[in-house]
């Protein structure tokens, strides 16, 4: 049975521009925190906070190698969802 509250909570994760920038950064390549900061233009503390939230929601995953932690997209379906939303918004801009 569909739990609309769970779906609503899930979509709230995408209501933050910083989180969307992080996901977009990771869409092209796995990255460390420092690489995400450099590519996204966000502060290190903001990136760290948002990575934790996205990882807890199983949108991202991480792999530790020595002292370095590399983040990646947990499930590529997320990218399809965001692409569909982007296309939907673009269609309305053409009207």
PDB file of N, CA and C in Angstrom:
ATOM      1  N   UNK A   1       0.843  -1.188   0.000  1.00  0.00           N
ATOM      2  CA  UNK A   1       0.000   0.000   0.000  1.00  0.00           C
ATOM      3  C   UNK A   1       0.879   1.239   0.000  1.00  0.00           C
ATOM      4  N   UNK A   2       0.469   2.239  -0.737  1.00  0.00           N
ATOM      5  CA  UNK A   2       1.237   3.467  -0.861  1.00  0.00           C
ATOM      6  C   UNK A   2       1.155   4.277   0.429  1.00  0.00           C
ATOM      7  N   UNK A   3       2.321   4.663   0.926  1.00  0.00           N
ATOM      8  CA  UNK A   3       2.374   5.520   2.100  1.00  0.00           C
ATOM      9  C   UNK A   3       2.745   6.922   1.617  1.00  0.00           C
ATOM     10  N   UNK A   4       1.750   7.766   1.484  1.00  0.00           N
ATOM     11  CA  UNK A   4       1.961   9.099   0.935  1.00  0.00           C
ATOM     12  C   UNK A   4       2.874   9.946   1.806  1.00  0.00           C
ATOM     13  N   UNK A   5       2.857   9.715   3.096  1.00  0.00           N
ATOM     14  CA  UNK A   5       3.746  10.459   3.985  1.00  0.00           C
ATOM     15  C   UNK A   5       5.206  10.136   3.684  1.00  0.00           C
ATOM     16  N   UNK A   6       5.515   8.853   3.471  1.00  0.00           N
ATOM     17  CA  UNK A   6       6.884   8.465   3.132  1.00  0.00           C
ATOM     18  C   UNK A   6       7.321   9.089   1.807  1.00  0.00           C
ATOM     19  N   UNK A   7       6.428   9.105   0.836  1.00  0.00           N
ATOM     20  CA  UNK A   7       6.741   9.708  -0.460  1.00  0.00           C
ATOM     21  C   UNK A   7       6.979  11.205  -0.296  1.00  0.00           C
ATOM     22  N   UNK A   8       6.141  11.871   0.477  1.00  0.00           N
ATOM     23  CA  UNK A   8       6.299  13.304   0.705  1.00  0.00           C
ATOM     24  C   UNK A   8       7.628  13.601   1.404  1.00  0.00           C
ATOM     25  N   UNK A   9       7.975  12.794   2.396  1.00  0.00           N
ATOM     26  CA  UNK A   9       9.251  12.985   3.104  1.00  0.00           C
ATOM     27  C   UNK A   9      10.432  12.776   2.157  1.00  0.00           C
ATOM     28  N   UNK A  10      10.318  11.782   1.279  1.00  0.00           N
ATOM     29  CA  UNK A  10      11.376  11.516   0.313  1.00  0.00           C
ATOM     30  C   UNK A  10      11.583  12.722  -0.601  1.00  0.00           C
ATOM     31  N   UNK A  11      10.488  13.280  -1.115  1.00  0.00           N
ATOM     32  CA  UNK A  11      10.604  14.414  -2.032  1.00  0.00           C
ATOM     33  C   UNK A  11      11.127  15.665  -1.336  1.00  0.00           C
ATOM     34  N   UNK A  12      10.965  15.767  -0.044  1.00  0.00           N
ATOM     35  CA  UNK A  12      11.519  16.911   0.693  1.00  0.00           C
ATOM     36  C   UNK A  12      13.041  16.952   0.582  1.00  0.00           C
ATOM     37  N   UNK A  13      13.652  15.786   0.402  1.00  0.00           N
ATOM     38  CA  UNK A  13      15.113  15.738   0.263  1.00  0.00           C
ATOM     39  C   UNK A  13      15.588  16.527  -0.955  1.00  0.00           C
ATOM     40  N   UNK A  14      14.728  16.696  -1.934  1.00  0.00           N
ATOM     41  CA  UNK A  14      15.096  17.395  -3.162  1.00  0.00           C
ATOM     42  C   UNK A  14      14.673  18.860  -3.149  1.00  0.00           C
ATOM     43  N   UNK A  15      14.242  19.346  -2.010  1.00  0.00           N
ATOM     44  CA  UNK A  15      13.787  20.733  -1.908  1.00  0.00           C
ATOM     45  C   UNK A  15      14.906  21.682  -1.508  1.00  0.00           C
ATOM     46  N   UNK A  16      16.139  21.184  -1.492  1.00  0.00           N
ATOM     47  CA  UNK A  16      17.284  21.984  -1.086  1.00  0.00           C
ATOM     48  C   UNK A  16      18.258  22.065  -2.264  1.00  0.00           C
ATOM     49  N   UNK A  17      18.574  23.286  -2.688  1.00  0.00           N
ATOM     50  CA  UNK A  17      19.447  23.483  -3.843  1.00  0.00           C
ATOM     51  C   UNK A  17      20.836  22.878  -3.625  1.00  0.00           C
ATOM     52  N   UNK A  18      21.342  22.959  -2.408  1.00  0.00           N
ATOM     53  CA  UNK A  18      22.652  22.378  -2.107  1.00  0.00           C
ATOM     54  C   UNK A  18      22.666  20.875  -2.309  1.00  0.00           C
ATOM     55  N   UNK A  19      21.624  20.199  -1.848  1.00  0.00           N
ATOM     56  CA  UNK A  19      21.548  18.754  -2.034  1.00  0.00           C
ATOM     57  C   UNK A  19      21.466  18.398  -3.515  1.00  0.00           C
ATOM     58  N   UNK A  20      20.720  19.193  -4.286  1.00  0.00           N
ATOM     59  CA  UNK A  20      20.624  18.949  -5.722  1.00  0.00           C
ATOM     60  C   UNK A  20      21.972  19.156  -6.408  1.00  0.00           C
ATOM     61  N   UNK A  21      22.732  20.156  -5.961  1.00  0.00           N
ATOM     62  CA  UNK A  21      24.074  20.379  -6.520  1.00  0.00           C
ATOM     63  C   UNK A  21      24.986  19.201  -6.220  1.00  0.00           C
ATOM     64  N   UNK A  22      24.891  18.671  -5.028  1.00  0.00           N
ATOM     65  CA  UNK A  22      25.716  17.517  -4.648  1.00  0.00           C
ATOM     66  C   UNK A  22      25.355  16.309  -5.503  1.00  0.00           C
ATOM     67  N   UNK A  23      24.078  16.040  -5.647  1.00  0.00           N
ATOM     68  CA  UNK A  23      23.637  14.909  -6.471  1.00  0.00           C
ATOM     69  C   UNK A  23      24.099  15.107  -7.912  1.00  0.00           C
ATOM     70  N   UNK A  24      23.969  16.303  -8.423  1.00  0.00           N
ATOM     71  CA  UNK A  24      24.401  16.606  -9.783  1.00  0.00           C
ATOM     72  C   UNK A  24      25.903  16.394  -9.948  1.00  0.00           C
ATOM     73  N   UNK A  25      26.666  16.801  -8.961  1.00  0.00           N
ATOM     74  CA  UNK A  25      28.116  16.610  -8.986  1.00  0.00           C
ATOM     75  C   UNK A  25      28.456  15.129  -9.039  1.00  0.00           C
ATOM     76  N   UNK A  26      27.759  14.334  -8.255  1.00  0.00           N
ATOM     77  CA  UNK A  26      28.040  12.902  -8.187  1.00  0.00           C
ATOM     78  C   UNK A  26      27.457  12.127  -9.370  1.00  0.00           C
ATOM     79  N   UNK A  27      26.603  12.766 -10.147  1.00  0.00           N
ATOM     80  CA  UNK A  27      26.012  12.099 -11.311  1.00  0.00           C
ATOM     81  C   UNK A  27      27.070  11.766 -12.355  1.00  0.00           C
ATOM     82  N   UNK A  28      28.117  12.576 -12.421  1.00  0.00           N
ATOM     83  CA  UNK A  28      29.137  12.368 -13.441  1.00  0.00           C
ATOM     84  C   UNK A  28      30.327  11.560 -12.943  1.00  0.00           C
ATOM     85  N   UNK A  29      30.627  11.644 -11.642  1.00  0.00           N
ATOM     86  CA  UNK A  29      31.749  10.865 -11.109  1.00  0.00           C
ATOM     87  C   UNK A  29      31.685  10.801  -9.591  1.00  0.00           C
ATOM     88  N   UNK A  30      32.155   9.696  -9.055  1.00  0.00           N
ATOM     89  CA  UNK A  30      32.278   9.563  -7.611  1.00  0.00           C
ATOM     90  C   UNK A  30      33.286  10.600  -7.129  1.00  0.00           C
ATOM     91  N   UNK A  31      33.075  11.139  -5.926  1.00  0.00           N
ATOM     92  CA  UNK A  31      33.928  12.233  -5.462  1.00  0.00           C
ATOM     93  C   UNK A  31      34.103  12.208  -3.955  1.00  0.00           C
ATOM     94  N   UNK A  32      35.194  12.800  -3.517  1.00  0.00           N
ATOM     95  CA  UNK A  32      35.439  13.002  -2.092  1.00  0.00           C
ATOM     96  C   UNK A  32      34.748  14.289  -1.663  1.00  0.00           C
ATOM     97  N   UNK A  33      34.704  14.541  -0.370  1.00  0.00           N
ATOM     98  CA  UNK A  33      34.098  15.776   0.140  1.00  0.00           C
ATOM     99  C   UNK A  33      34.794  16.985  -0.480  1.00  0.00           C
ATOM    100  N   UNK A  34      36.116  16.977  -0.477  1.00  0.00           N
ATOM    101  CA  UNK A  34      36.854  18.118  -1.032  1.00  0.00           C
ATOM    102  C   UNK A  34      36.542  18.343  -2.506  1.00  0.00           C
ATOM    103  N   UNK A  35      36.410  17.273  -3.264  1.00  0.00           N
ATOM    104  CA  UNK A  35      36.065  17.402  -4.685  1.00  0.00           C
ATOM    105  C   UNK A  35      34.652  17.945  -4.850  1.00  0.00           C
ATOM    106  N   UNK A  36      33.730  17.499  -4.022  1.00  0.00           N
ATOM    107  CA  UNK A  36      32.353  17.999  -4.089  1.00  0.00           C
ATOM    108  C   UNK A  36      32.324  19.482  -3.750  1.00  0.00           C
ATOM    109  N   UNK A  37      33.066  19.883  -2.722  1.00  0.00           N
ATOM    110  CA  UNK A  37      33.145  21.307  -2.350  1.00  0.00           C
ATOM    111  C   UNK A  37      33.653  22.121  -3.528  1.00  0.00           C
ATOM    112  N   UNK A  38      34.727  21.650  -4.150  1.00  0.00           N
ATOM    113  CA  UNK A  38      35.339  22.370  -5.275  1.00  0.00           C
ATOM    114  C   UNK A  38      34.385  22.468  -6.463  1.00  0.00           C
ATOM    115  N   UNK A  39      33.733  21.366  -6.813  1.00  0.00           N
ATOM    116  CA  UNK A  39      32.858  21.335  -7.987  1.00  0.00           C
ATOM    117  C   UNK A  39      31.544  22.073  -7.762  1.00  0.00           C
ATOM    118  N   UNK A  40      31.018  22.015  -6.539  1.00  0.00           N
ATOM    119  CA  UNK A  40      29.686  22.591  -6.277  1.00  0.00           C
ATOM    120  C   UNK A  40      29.731  24.041  -5.834  1.00  0.00           C
ATOM    121  N   UNK A  41      30.872  24.466  -5.289  1.00  0.00           N
ATOM    122  CA  UNK A  41      30.958  25.836  -4.772  1.00  0.00           C
ATOM    123  C   UNK A  41      30.324  25.998  -3.399  1.00  0.00           C
ATOM    124  N   UNK A  42      29.947  24.897  -2.764  1.00  0.00           N
ATOM    125  CA  UNK A  42      29.345  24.935  -1.440  1.00  0.00           C
ATOM    126  C   UNK A  42      30.429  24.847  -0.377  1.00  0.00           C
ATOM    127  N   UNK A  43      30.118  25.279   0.835  1.00  0.00           N
ATOM    128  CA  UNK A  43      31.091  25.199   1.923  1.00  0.00           C
ATOM    129  C   UNK A  43      31.280  23.749   2.367  1.00  0.00           C
ATOM    130  N   UNK A  44      32.439  23.477   2.961  1.00  0.00           N
ATOM    131  CA  UNK A  44      32.754  22.125   3.414  1.00  0.00           C
ATOM    132  C   UNK A  44      31.768  21.659   4.474  1.00  0.00           C
ATOM    133  N   UNK A  45      31.403  22.542   5.397  1.00  0.00           N
ATOM    134  CA  UNK A  45      30.483  22.136   6.461  1.00  0.00           C
ATOM    135  C   UNK A  45      29.089  21.831   5.904  1.00  0.00           C
ATOM    136  N   UNK A  46      28.634  22.633   4.947  1.00  0.00           N
ATOM    137  CA  UNK A  46      27.325  22.390   4.331  1.00  0.00           C
ATOM    138  C   UNK A  46      27.338  21.071   3.562  1.00  0.00           C
ATOM    139  N   UNK A  47      28.402  20.823   2.812  1.00  0.00           N
ATOM    140  CA  UNK A  47      28.507  19.586   2.050  1.00  0.00           C
ATOM    141  C   UNK A  47      28.478  18.393   3.003  1.00  0.00           C
ATOM    142  N   UNK A  48      29.239  18.461   4.070  1.00  0.00           N
ATOM    143  CA  UNK A  48      29.275  17.354   5.029  1.00  0.00           C
ATOM    144  C   UNK A  48      27.903  17.081   5.635  1.00  0.00           C
ATOM    145  N   UNK A  49      27.184  18.138   6.002  1.00  0.00           N
ATOM    146  CA  UNK A  49      25.841  17.978   6.579  1.00  0.00           C
ATOM    147  C   UNK A  49      24.897  17.318   5.578  1.00  0.00           C
ATOM    148  N   UNK A  50      24.938  17.800   4.346  1.00  0.00           N
ATOM    149  CA  UNK A  50      24.021  17.296   3.330  1.00  0.00           C
ATOM    150  C   UNK A  50      24.379  15.868   2.906  1.00  0.00           C
ATOM    151  N   UNK A  51      25.660  15.548   2.872  1.00  0.00           N
ATOM    152  CA  UNK A  51      26.072  14.180   2.543  1.00  0.00           C
ATOM    153  C   UNK A  51      25.528  13.193   3.561  1.00  0.00           C
ATOM    154  N   UNK A  52      25.591  13.569   4.828  1.00  0.00           N
ATOM    155  CA  UNK A  52      25.077  12.693   5.884  1.00  0.00           C
ATOM    156  C   UNK A  52      23.575  12.439   5.686  1.00  0.00           C
ATOM    157  N   UNK A  53      22.836  13.494   5.411  1.00  0.00           N
ATOM    158  CA  UNK A  53      21.393  13.381   5.205  1.00  0.00           C
ATOM    159  C   UNK A  53      21.085  12.505   3.987  1.00  0.00           C
ATOM    160  N   UNK A  54      21.785  12.747   2.885  1.00  0.00           N
ATOM    161  CA  UNK A  54      21.539  11.982   1.663  1.00  0.00           C
ATOM    162  C   UNK A  54      21.964  10.523   1.808  1.00  0.00           C
ATOM    163  N   UNK A  55      23.001  10.293   2.571  1.00  0.00           N
ATOM    164  CA  UNK A  55      23.439   8.912   2.808  1.00  0.00           C
ATOM    165  C   UNK A  55      22.427   8.180   3.690  1.00  0.00           C
ATOM    166  N   UNK A  56      21.927   8.831   4.721  1.00  0.00           N
ATOM    167  CA  UNK A  56      20.932   8.220   5.600  1.00  0.00           C
ATOM    168  C   UNK A  56      19.642   7.884   4.851  1.00  0.00           C
ATOM    169  N   UNK A  57      19.345   8.643   3.811  1.00  0.00           N
ATOM    170  CA  UNK A  57      18.141   8.412   3.007  1.00  0.00           C
ATOM    171  C   UNK A  57      18.397   7.407   1.881  1.00  0.00           C
ATOM    172  N   UNK A  58      19.600   6.850   1.838  1.00  0.00           N
ATOM    173  CA  UNK A  58      20.000   5.881   0.816  1.00  0.00           C
ATOM    174  C   UNK A  58      19.951   6.446  -0.594  1.00  0.00           C
ATOM    175  N   UNK A  59      20.229   7.725  -0.702  1.00  0.00           N
ATOM    176  CA  UNK A  59      20.373   8.349  -2.016  1.00  0.00           C
ATOM    177  C   UNK A  59      21.842   8.270  -2.433  1.00  0.00           C
ATOM    178  N   UNK A  60      22.722   8.375  -1.443  1.00  0.00           N
ATOM    179  CA  UNK A  60      24.160   8.254  -1.673  1.00  0.00           C
ATOM    180  C   UNK A  60      24.719   7.104  -0.867  1.00  0.00           C
ATOM    181  N   UNK A  61      25.880   6.658  -1.279  1.00  0.00           N
ATOM    182  CA  UNK A  61      26.641   5.666  -0.539  1.00  0.00           C
ATOM    183  C   UNK A  61      28.075   6.158  -0.454  1.00  0.00           C
ATOM    184  N   UNK A  62      28.844   5.564   0.429  1.00  0.00           N
ATOM    185  CA  UNK A  62      30.239   5.978   0.562  1.00  0.00           C
ATOM    186  C   UNK A  62      31.130   4.762   0.707  1.00  0.00           C
ATOM    187  N   UNK A  63      32.380   4.948   0.336  1.00  0.00           N
ATOM    188  CA  UNK A  63      33.379   3.894   0.470  1.00  0.00           C
ATOM    189  C   UNK A  63      34.637   4.531   1.043  1.00  0.00           C
ATOM    190  N   UNK A  64      35.125   3.966   2.123  1.00  0.00           N
ATOM    191  CA  UNK A  64      36.314   4.497   2.779  1.00  0.00           C
ATOM    192  C   UNK A  64      37.545   3.716   2.322  1.00  0.00           C
ATOM    193  N   UNK A  65      38.537   4.460   1.871  1.00  0.00           N
ATOM    194  CA  UNK A  65      39.832   3.891   1.477  1.00  0.00           C
ATOM    195  C   UNK A  65      40.905   4.643   2.253  1.00  0.00           C
ATOM    196  N   UNK A  66      41.416   4.005   3.268  1.00  0.00           N
ATOM    197  CA  UNK A  66      42.366   4.699   4.141  1.00  0.00           C
ATOM    198  C   UNK A  66      41.653   5.827   4.854  1.00  0.00           C
ATOM    199  N   UNK A  67      42.170   7.042   4.697  1.00  0.00           N
ATOM    200  CA  UNK A  67      41.538   8.211   5.311  1.00  0.00           C
ATOM    201  C   UNK A  67      40.562   8.919   4.378  1.00  0.00           C
ATOM    202  N   UNK A  68      40.488   8.449   3.133  1.00  0.00           N
ATOM    203  CA  UNK A  68      39.656   9.099   2.133  1.00  0.00           C
ATOM    204  C   UNK A  68      38.304   8.399   2.008  1.00  0.00           C
ATOM    205  N   UNK A  69      37.243   9.200   2.002  1.00  0.00           N
ATOM    206  CA  UNK A  69      35.891   8.687   1.798  1.00  0.00           C
ATOM    207  C   UNK A  69      35.396   9.199   0.452  1.00  0.00           C
ATOM    208  N   UNK A  70      34.959   8.264  -0.379  1.00  0.00           N
ATOM    209  CA  UNK A  70      34.442   8.617  -1.695  1.00  0.00           C
ATOM    210  C   UNK A  70      32.940   8.369  -1.715  1.00  0.00           C
ATOM    211  N   UNK A  71      32.203   9.361  -2.192  1.00  0.00           N
ATOM    212  CA  UNK A  71      30.741   9.277  -2.244  1.00  0.00           C
ATOM    213  C   UNK A  71      30.284   9.006  -3.679  1.00  0.00           C
ATOM    214  N   UNK A  72      29.170   8.300  -3.788  1.00  0.00           N
ATOM    215  CA  UNK A  72      28.587   8.007  -5.089  1.00  0.00           C
ATOM    216  C   UNK A  72      27.074   7.899  -4.949  1.00  0.00           C
ATOM    217  N   UNK A  73      26.407   7.911  -6.088  1.00  0.00           N
ATOM    218  CA  UNK A  73      24.954   7.748  -6.119  1.00  0.00           C
ATOM    219  C   UNK A  73      24.641   6.294  -5.768  1.00  0.00           C
ATOM    220  N   UNK A  74      23.763   6.088  -4.802  1.00  0.00           N
ATOM    221  CA  UNK A  74      23.402   4.737  -4.357  1.00  0.00           C
ATOM    222  C   UNK A  74      22.574   4.016  -5.413  1.00  0.00           C
ATOM    223  N   UNK A  75      21.619   4.731  -5.988  1.00  0.00           N
ATOM    224  CA  UNK A  75      20.701   4.133  -6.954  1.00  0.00           C
ATOM    225  C   UNK A  75      20.506   5.140  -8.096  1.00  0.00           C
ATOM    226  N   UNK A  76      20.900   4.769  -9.286  1.00  0.00           N
ATOM    227  CA  UNK A  76      20.854   5.681 -10.432  1.00  0.00           C
ATOM    228  C   UNK A  76      19.416   6.081 -10.808  1.00  0.00           C
ATOM    229  N   UNK A  77      18.406   5.412 -10.251  1.00  0.00           N
ATOM    230  CA  UNK A  77      17.019   5.807 -10.522  1.00  0.00           C
ATOM    231  C   UNK A  77      16.759   7.244 -10.089  1.00  0.00           C
ATOM    232  N   UNK A  78      17.481   7.681  -9.093  1.00  0.00           N
ATOM    233  CA  UNK A  78      17.334   9.061  -8.614  1.00  0.00           C
ATOM    234  C   UNK A  78      17.629  10.042  -9.743  1.00  0.00           C
ATOM    235  N   UNK A  79      18.641   9.744 -10.530  1.00  0.00           N
ATOM    236  CA  UNK A  79      19.009  10.634 -11.640  1.00  0.00           C
ATOM    237  C   UNK A  79      17.916  10.670 -12.699  1.00  0.00           C
ATOM    238  N   UNK A  80      17.259   9.544 -12.942  1.00  0.00           N
ATOM    239  CA  UNK A  80      16.147   9.515 -13.897  1.00  0.00           C
ATOM    240  C   UNK A  80      14.987  10.369 -13.379  1.00  0.00           C
ATOM    241  N   UNK A  81      14.719  10.269 -12.096  1.00  0.00           N
ATOM    242  CA  UNK A  81      13.654  11.060 -11.483  1.00  0.00           C
ATOM    243  C   UNK A  81      13.929  12.553 -11.649  1.00  0.00           C
ATOM    244  N   UNK A  82      15.144  12.976 -11.340  1.00  0.00           N
ATOM    245  CA  UNK A  82      15.496  14.391 -11.453  1.00  0.00           C
ATOM    246  C   UNK A  82      15.491  14.860 -12.907  1.00  0.00           C
ATOM    247  N   UNK A  83      15.911  13.992 -13.816  1.00  0.00           N
ATOM    248  CA  UNK A  83      15.877  14.328 -15.246  1.00  0.00           C
ATOM    249  C   UNK A  83      14.433  14.526 -15.700  1.00  0.00           C
ATOM    250  N   UNK A  84      13.541  13.643 -15.276  1.00  0.00           N
ATOM    251  CA  UNK A  84      12.127  13.769 -15.642  1.00  0.00           C
ATOM    252  C   UNK A  84      11.535  15.068 -15.124  1.00  0.00           C
ATOM    253  N   UNK A  85      11.867  15.429 -13.899  1.00  0.00           N
ATOM    254  CA  UNK A  85      11.366  16.689 -13.326  1.00  0.00           C
ATOM    255  C   UNK A  85      11.902  17.873 -14.127  1.00  0.00           C
ATOM    256  N   UNK A  86      13.187  17.825 -14.450  1.00  0.00           N
ATOM    257  CA  UNK A  86      13.804  18.896 -15.227  1.00  0.00           C
ATOM    258  C   UNK A  86      13.140  19.044 -16.592  1.00  0.00           C
ATOM    259  N   UNK A  87      12.878  17.914 -17.252  1.00  0.00           N
ATOM    260  CA  UNK A  87      12.198  17.954 -18.545  1.00  0.00           C
ATOM    261  C   UNK A  87      10.784  18.499 -18.404  1.00  0.00           C
ATOM    262  N   UNK A  88      10.097  18.101 -17.354  1.00  0.00           N
ATOM    263  CA  UNK A  88       8.740  18.590 -17.107  1.00  0.00           C
ATOM    264  C   UNK A  88       8.745  20.106 -16.944  1.00  0.00           C
ATOM    265  N   UNK A  89       9.670  20.602 -16.157  1.00  0.00           N
ATOM    266  CA  UNK A  89       9.767  22.054 -15.953  1.00  0.00           C
ATOM    267  C   UNK A  89      10.125  22.772 -17.236  1.00  0.00           C
ATOM    268  N   UNK A  90      10.992  22.162 -18.035  1.00  0.00           N
ATOM    269  CA  UNK A  90      11.376  22.760 -19.318  1.00  0.00           C
ATOM    270  C   UNK A  90      10.217  22.843 -20.285  1.00  0.00           C
ATOM    271  N   UNK A  91       9.342  21.857 -20.258  1.00  0.00           N
ATOM    272  CA  UNK A  91       8.166  21.880 -21.129  1.00  0.00           C
ATOM    273  C   UNK A  91       7.273  23.060 -20.786  1.00  0.00           C
ATOM    274  N   UNK A  92       7.156  23.382 -19.512  1.00  0.00           N
ATOM    275  CA  UNK A  92       6.312  24.500 -19.109  1.00  0.00           C
ATOM    276  C   UNK A  92       6.945  25.833 -19.434  1.00  0.00           C
ATOM    277  N   UNK A  93       8.257  25.878 -19.531  1.00  0.00           N
ATOM    278  CA  UNK A  93       8.934  27.122 -19.905  1.00  0.00           C
ATOM    279  C   UNK A  93       8.730  27.432 -21.381  1.00  0.00           C
ATOM    280  N   UNK A  94       8.482  26.406 -22.189  1.00  0.00           N
ATOM    281  CA  UNK A  94       8.300  26.592 -23.636  1.00  0.00           C
ATOM    282  C   UNK A  94       6.904  27.082 -23.986  1.00  0.00           C
ATOM    283  N   UNK A  95       5.980  27.017 -23.052  1.00  0.00           N
ATOM    284  CA  UNK A  95       4.584  27.404 -23.339  1.00  0.00           C
ATOM    285  C   UNK A  95       4.437  28.894 -23.466  1.00  0.00           C
TER     286      UNK A  95
END
